[in-house]
Amino acid sequence: MGFHTEPDHYERTAMSDLQGAWQNLRDAVVKAQPFHSIDRMLFHIDEGMSWESVRDLGRMRKALLLSRNIAAQGEAPEDVTFWIGEVSTNLDEAVAAIAEGECR
């Protein structure tokens, strides 16, 4: 019986970039606390990163919009708004990659 070995490289895809952007957004929010409605924002970020949202990017887009609105109302720090923009860009790229058949 053979043993499975850890891969020596990982393929970078639009979906992996999107996952990384969401994680960086979450980290920025946690580091920026306290600001108004941080708990609500973290809830929607976690929802956007959930398996259900990965399988339904329309649901992910809604979670991102809610996060963006909460950040605007709560006067979130610049780092948080930067990462919201990055998630949005990466989400658009992931949708385009799926449409082109590059991701499943």
N, C-alpha and C. Protein backbone atom coordinates (compact mmCIF):
# COMPACT_ATOMS: atom_id res chain seq x y z
N MET A 1 0.85 -1.16 0.00
CA MET A 1 0.00 0.00 0.00
C MET A 1 0.91 1.24 0.00
N GLY A 2 0.62 2.17 -0.91
CA GLY A 2 1.42 3.38 -1.01
C GLY A 2 0.94 4.48 -0.08
N PHE A 3 1.79 5.42 0.13
CA PHE A 3 1.45 6.57 0.96
C PHE A 3 1.24 7.79 0.08
N HIS A 4 0.24 8.58 0.43
CA HIS A 4 0.00 9.82 -0.27
C HIS A 4 1.03 10.85 0.19
N THR A 5 1.57 11.57 -0.75
CA THR A 5 2.53 12.61 -0.39
C THR A 5 1.92 13.97 -0.65
N GLU A 6 2.44 14.93 0.07
CA GLU A 6 1.96 16.30 -0.10
C GLU A 6 2.48 16.84 -1.43
N PRO A 7 1.61 17.50 -2.20
CA PRO A 7 2.07 18.06 -3.47
C PRO A 7 3.19 19.08 -3.23
N ASP A 8 4.09 19.18 -4.19
CA ASP A 8 5.19 20.13 -4.04
C ASP A 8 4.87 21.49 -4.65
N HIS A 9 3.67 21.63 -5.21
CA HIS A 9 3.23 22.92 -5.76
C HIS A 9 1.70 22.97 -5.78
N TYR A 10 1.18 24.15 -5.87
CA TYR A 10 -0.26 24.32 -5.94
C TYR A 10 -0.56 25.21 -7.12
N GLU A 11 -1.61 24.89 -7.83
CA GLU A 11 -2.00 25.67 -8.99
C GLU A 11 -2.79 26.89 -8.54
N ARG A 12 -2.35 28.04 -8.97
CA ARG A 12 -3.05 29.28 -8.65
C ARG A 12 -4.20 29.45 -9.64
N THR A 13 -5.38 29.66 -9.11
CA THR A 13 -6.57 29.84 -9.95
C THR A 13 -7.32 31.09 -9.51
N ALA A 14 -8.28 31.48 -10.31
CA ALA A 14 -9.12 32.63 -9.95
C ALA A 14 -9.85 32.36 -8.64
N MET A 15 -10.24 31.12 -8.41
CA MET A 15 -10.94 30.79 -7.18
C MET A 15 -10.00 30.84 -5.97
N SER A 16 -8.76 30.43 -6.13
CA SER A 16 -7.83 30.51 -5.00
C SER A 16 -7.50 31.97 -4.68
N ASP A 17 -7.40 32.80 -5.72
CA ASP A 17 -7.19 34.24 -5.49
C ASP A 17 -8.38 34.85 -4.75
N LEU A 18 -9.58 34.43 -5.13
CA LEU A 18 -10.79 34.92 -4.48
C LEU A 18 -10.81 34.51 -3.01
N GLN A 19 -10.48 33.27 -2.74
CA GLN A 19 -10.43 32.79 -1.35
C GLN A 19 -9.42 33.60 -0.54
N GLY A 20 -8.27 33.87 -1.12
CA GLY A 20 -7.25 34.65 -0.43
C GLY A 20 -7.71 36.08 -0.15
N ALA A 21 -8.41 36.68 -1.10
CA ALA A 21 -8.90 38.05 -0.91
C ALA A 21 -9.93 38.09 0.23
N TRP A 22 -10.83 37.11 0.28
CA TRP A 22 -11.79 37.05 1.38
C TRP A 22 -11.07 36.93 2.72
N GLN A 23 -10.05 36.07 2.78
CA GLN A 23 -9.33 35.88 4.03
C GLN A 23 -8.60 37.16 4.44
N ASN A 24 -8.02 37.86 3.47
CA ASN A 24 -7.34 39.12 3.78
C ASN A 24 -8.34 40.18 4.25
N LEU A 25 -9.54 40.18 3.68
CA LEU A 25 -10.58 41.09 4.14
C LEU A 25 -10.95 40.79 5.58
N ARG A 26 -11.15 39.52 5.88
CA ARG A 26 -11.53 39.14 7.25
C ARG A 26 -10.43 39.54 8.23
N ASP A 27 -9.18 39.29 7.87
CA ASP A 27 -8.07 39.66 8.73
C ASP A 27 -8.02 41.17 8.95
N ALA A 28 -8.26 41.95 7.90
CA ALA A 28 -8.25 43.42 8.02
C ALA A 28 -9.35 43.89 8.96
N VAL A 29 -10.52 43.27 8.88
CA VAL A 29 -11.63 43.65 9.76
C VAL A 29 -11.29 43.34 11.21
N VAL A 30 -10.74 42.16 11.46
CA VAL A 30 -10.39 41.77 12.83
C VAL A 30 -9.33 42.71 13.39
N LYS A 31 -8.33 43.05 12.59
CA LYS A 31 -7.26 43.94 13.06
C LYS A 31 -7.76 45.37 13.26
N ALA A 32 -8.79 45.77 12.54
CA ALA A 32 -9.28 47.15 12.59
C ALA A 32 -10.24 47.41 13.74
N GLN A 33 -10.63 46.39 14.47
CA GLN A 33 -11.62 46.60 15.51
C GLN A 33 -11.10 47.54 16.58
N PRO A 34 -11.89 48.27 17.25
CA PRO A 34 -13.35 48.25 17.09
C PRO A 34 -13.80 49.33 16.10
N PHE A 35 -14.74 48.97 15.29
CA PHE A 35 -15.49 49.96 14.53
C PHE A 35 -16.93 49.50 14.48
N HIS A 36 -17.82 50.41 14.16
CA HIS A 36 -19.26 50.16 14.25
C HIS A 36 -19.67 48.95 13.43
N SER A 37 -20.40 48.05 14.03
CA SER A 37 -21.01 46.87 13.38
C SER A 37 -20.00 45.83 12.91
N ILE A 38 -18.87 45.73 13.59
CA ILE A 38 -17.87 44.75 13.20
C ILE A 38 -18.43 43.33 13.27
N ASP A 39 -19.27 43.05 14.25
CA ASP A 39 -19.82 41.70 14.39
C ASP A 39 -20.72 41.35 13.20
N ARG A 40 -21.52 42.31 12.76
CA ARG A 40 -22.37 42.06 11.59
C ARG A 40 -21.52 41.86 10.34
N MET A 41 -20.48 42.66 10.21
CA MET A 41 -19.62 42.54 9.04
C MET A 41 -18.91 41.19 9.01
N LEU A 42 -18.39 40.75 10.14
CA LEU A 42 -17.74 39.44 10.20
C LEU A 42 -18.72 38.32 9.85
N PHE A 43 -19.96 38.45 10.29
CA PHE A 43 -20.97 37.44 9.95
C PHE A 43 -21.12 37.34 8.43
N HIS A 44 -21.24 38.48 7.75
CA HIS A 44 -21.44 38.46 6.30
C HIS A 44 -20.16 38.04 5.55
N ILE A 45 -19.01 38.37 6.08
CA ILE A 45 -17.76 37.89 5.48
C ILE A 45 -17.69 36.37 5.59
N ASP A 46 -17.99 35.84 6.75
CA ASP A 46 -17.99 34.38 6.92
C ASP A 46 -19.01 33.73 6.00
N GLU A 47 -20.14 34.38 5.83
CA GLU A 47 -21.15 33.86 4.90
C GLU A 47 -20.61 33.87 3.47
N GLY A 48 -19.91 34.93 3.10
CA GLY A 48 -19.33 35.02 1.76
C GLY A 48 -18.27 33.97 1.51
N MET A 49 -17.60 33.55 2.56
CA MET A 49 -16.54 32.54 2.44
C MET A 49 -17.07 31.11 2.58
N SER A 50 -18.34 30.98 2.89
CA SER A 50 -18.91 29.65 3.17
C SER A 50 -18.98 28.78 1.91
N TRP A 51 -19.05 27.49 2.14
CA TRP A 51 -19.15 26.53 1.04
C TRP A 51 -20.38 26.81 0.18
N GLU A 52 -21.48 27.18 0.80
CA GLU A 52 -22.70 27.48 0.05
C GLU A 52 -22.47 28.64 -0.92
N SER A 53 -21.74 29.65 -0.48
CA SER A 53 -21.48 30.81 -1.33
C SER A 53 -20.47 30.48 -2.43
N VAL A 54 -19.52 29.61 -2.14
CA VAL A 54 -18.56 29.20 -3.17
C VAL A 54 -19.28 28.47 -4.29
N ARG A 55 -20.30 27.71 -3.93
CA ARG A 55 -21.07 26.98 -4.93
C ARG A 55 -22.11 27.85 -5.63
N ASP A 56 -22.39 29.04 -5.09
CA ASP A 56 -23.37 29.96 -5.66
C ASP A 56 -22.79 31.37 -5.57
N LEU A 57 -22.08 31.79 -6.61
CA LEU A 57 -21.38 33.07 -6.55
C LEU A 57 -22.34 34.26 -6.50
N GLY A 58 -23.58 34.08 -6.87
CA GLY A 58 -24.59 35.13 -6.69
C GLY A 58 -24.82 35.39 -5.20
N ARG A 59 -24.83 34.33 -4.43
CA ARG A 59 -24.97 34.45 -2.98
C ARG A 59 -23.73 35.14 -2.40
N MET A 60 -22.56 34.82 -2.94
CA MET A 60 -21.33 35.45 -2.49
C MET A 60 -21.37 36.95 -2.79
N ARG A 61 -21.86 37.30 -3.96
CA ARG A 61 -21.94 38.71 -4.34
C ARG A 61 -22.85 39.49 -3.37
N LYS A 62 -23.95 38.85 -2.93
CA LYS A 62 -24.85 39.50 -1.97
C LYS A 62 -24.15 39.71 -0.63
N ALA A 63 -23.37 38.73 -0.18
CA ALA A 63 -22.64 38.87 1.08
C ALA A 63 -21.61 39.99 0.97
N LEU A 64 -20.98 40.11 -0.18
CA LEU A 64 -20.01 41.18 -0.39
C LEU A 64 -20.69 42.54 -0.38
N LEU A 65 -21.84 42.65 -1.01
CA LEU A 65 -22.57 43.91 -1.03
C LEU A 65 -22.98 44.32 0.39
N LEU A 66 -23.45 43.37 1.17
CA LEU A 66 -23.81 43.67 2.56
C LEU A 66 -22.59 44.12 3.35
N SER A 67 -21.46 43.45 3.14
CA SER A 67 -20.23 43.85 3.82
C SER A 67 -19.81 45.25 3.42
N ARG A 68 -19.91 45.55 2.12
CA ARG A 68 -19.55 46.88 1.63
C ARG A 68 -20.44 47.95 2.26
N ASN A 69 -21.73 47.68 2.35
CA ASN A 69 -22.66 48.65 2.93
C ASN A 69 -22.39 48.87 4.42
N ILE A 70 -22.13 47.80 5.14
CA ILE A 70 -21.82 47.92 6.57
C ILE A 70 -20.53 48.71 6.76
N ALA A 71 -19.53 48.44 5.93
CA ALA A 71 -18.27 49.18 6.04
C ALA A 71 -18.48 50.67 5.79
N ALA A 72 -19.31 51.00 4.82
CA ALA A 72 -19.57 52.40 4.51
C ALA A 72 -20.33 53.08 5.65
N GLN A 73 -21.31 52.41 6.21
CA GLN A 73 -22.10 52.98 7.30
C GLN A 73 -21.28 53.09 8.58
N GLY A 74 -20.37 52.14 8.79
CA GLY A 74 -19.59 52.12 10.02
C GLY A 74 -18.28 52.86 9.90
N GLU A 75 -18.08 53.53 8.77
CA GLU A 75 -16.85 54.26 8.54
C GLU A 75 -15.63 53.38 8.80
N ALA A 76 -15.58 52.27 8.08
CA ALA A 76 -14.49 51.31 8.24
C ALA A 76 -13.16 51.92 7.80
N PRO A 77 -12.07 51.45 8.37
CA PRO A 77 -10.75 51.94 7.99
C PRO A 77 -10.42 51.66 6.52
N GLU A 78 -9.45 52.39 6.01
CA GLU A 78 -9.07 52.31 4.60
C GLU A 78 -8.64 50.90 4.20
N ASP A 79 -7.95 50.18 5.09
CA ASP A 79 -7.50 48.83 4.78
C ASP A 79 -8.69 47.91 4.51
N VAL A 80 -9.75 48.07 5.26
CA VAL A 80 -10.95 47.25 5.08
C VAL A 80 -11.59 47.56 3.72
N THR A 81 -11.73 48.83 3.40
CA THR A 81 -12.35 49.18 2.11
C THR A 81 -11.47 48.74 0.95
N PHE A 82 -10.14 48.77 1.13
CA PHE A 82 -9.25 48.27 0.09
C PHE A 82 -9.53 46.80 -0.19
N TRP A 83 -9.64 45.99 0.86
CA TRP A 83 -9.84 44.55 0.66
C TRP A 83 -11.24 44.23 0.16
N ILE A 84 -12.20 45.07 0.47
CA ILE A 84 -13.53 44.88 -0.14
C ILE A 84 -13.42 45.04 -1.65
N GLY A 85 -12.67 46.04 -2.09
CA GLY A 85 -12.44 46.23 -3.53
C GLY A 85 -11.70 45.06 -4.15
N GLU A 86 -10.73 44.51 -3.42
CA GLU A 86 -9.98 43.36 -3.94
C GLU A 86 -10.87 42.12 -4.06
N VAL A 87 -11.74 41.90 -3.08
CA VAL A 87 -12.67 40.77 -3.16
C VAL A 87 -13.58 40.96 -4.37
N SER A 88 -14.06 42.17 -4.58
CA SER A 88 -14.94 42.45 -5.71
C SER A 88 -14.24 42.17 -7.04
N THR A 89 -13.01 42.63 -7.17
CA THR A 89 -12.23 42.39 -8.38
C THR A 89 -12.01 40.90 -8.60
N ASN A 90 -11.61 40.20 -7.54
CA ASN A 90 -11.36 38.76 -7.65
C ASN A 90 -12.63 37.98 -7.93
N LEU A 91 -13.75 38.43 -7.40
CA LEU A 91 -15.03 37.77 -7.68
C LEU A 91 -15.38 37.92 -9.16
N ASP A 92 -15.20 39.12 -9.70
CA ASP A 92 -15.45 39.32 -11.13
C ASP A 92 -14.54 38.44 -11.98
N GLU A 93 -13.28 38.31 -11.60
CA GLU A 93 -12.34 37.47 -12.33
C GLU A 93 -12.72 35.99 -12.23
N ALA A 94 -13.19 35.56 -11.08
CA ALA A 94 -13.61 34.17 -10.92
C ALA A 94 -14.83 33.87 -11.78
N VAL A 95 -15.79 34.79 -11.81
CA VAL A 95 -16.98 34.61 -12.65
C VAL A 95 -16.58 34.53 -14.11
N ALA A 96 -15.65 35.38 -14.54
CA ALA A 96 -15.18 35.36 -15.93
C ALA A 96 -14.45 34.05 -16.23
N ALA A 97 -13.63 33.58 -15.30
CA ALA A 97 -12.90 32.33 -15.51
C ALA A 97 -13.86 31.15 -15.63
N ILE A 98 -14.91 31.17 -14.83
CA ILE A 98 -15.91 30.08 -14.92
C ILE A 98 -16.61 30.14 -16.26
N ALA A 99 -16.97 31.35 -16.70
CA ALA A 99 -17.65 31.51 -17.99
C ALA A 99 -16.77 31.03 -19.14
N GLU A 100 -15.47 31.19 -19.01
CA GLU A 100 -14.52 30.77 -20.05
C GLU A 100 -14.12 29.31 -19.91
N GLY A 101 -14.63 28.63 -18.88
CA GLY A 101 -14.34 27.21 -18.67
C GLY A 101 -13.02 26.95 -17.99
N GLU A 102 -12.39 27.99 -17.43
CA GLU A 102 -11.10 27.81 -16.76
C GLU A 102 -11.24 27.25 -15.36
N CYS A 103 -12.37 27.47 -14.75
CA CYS A 103 -12.66 26.96 -13.39
C CYS A 103 -13.98 26.22 -13.44
N ARG A 104 -14.14 25.29 -12.50
CA ARG A 104 -15.41 24.59 -12.40
C ARG A 104 -16.06 24.91 -11.09
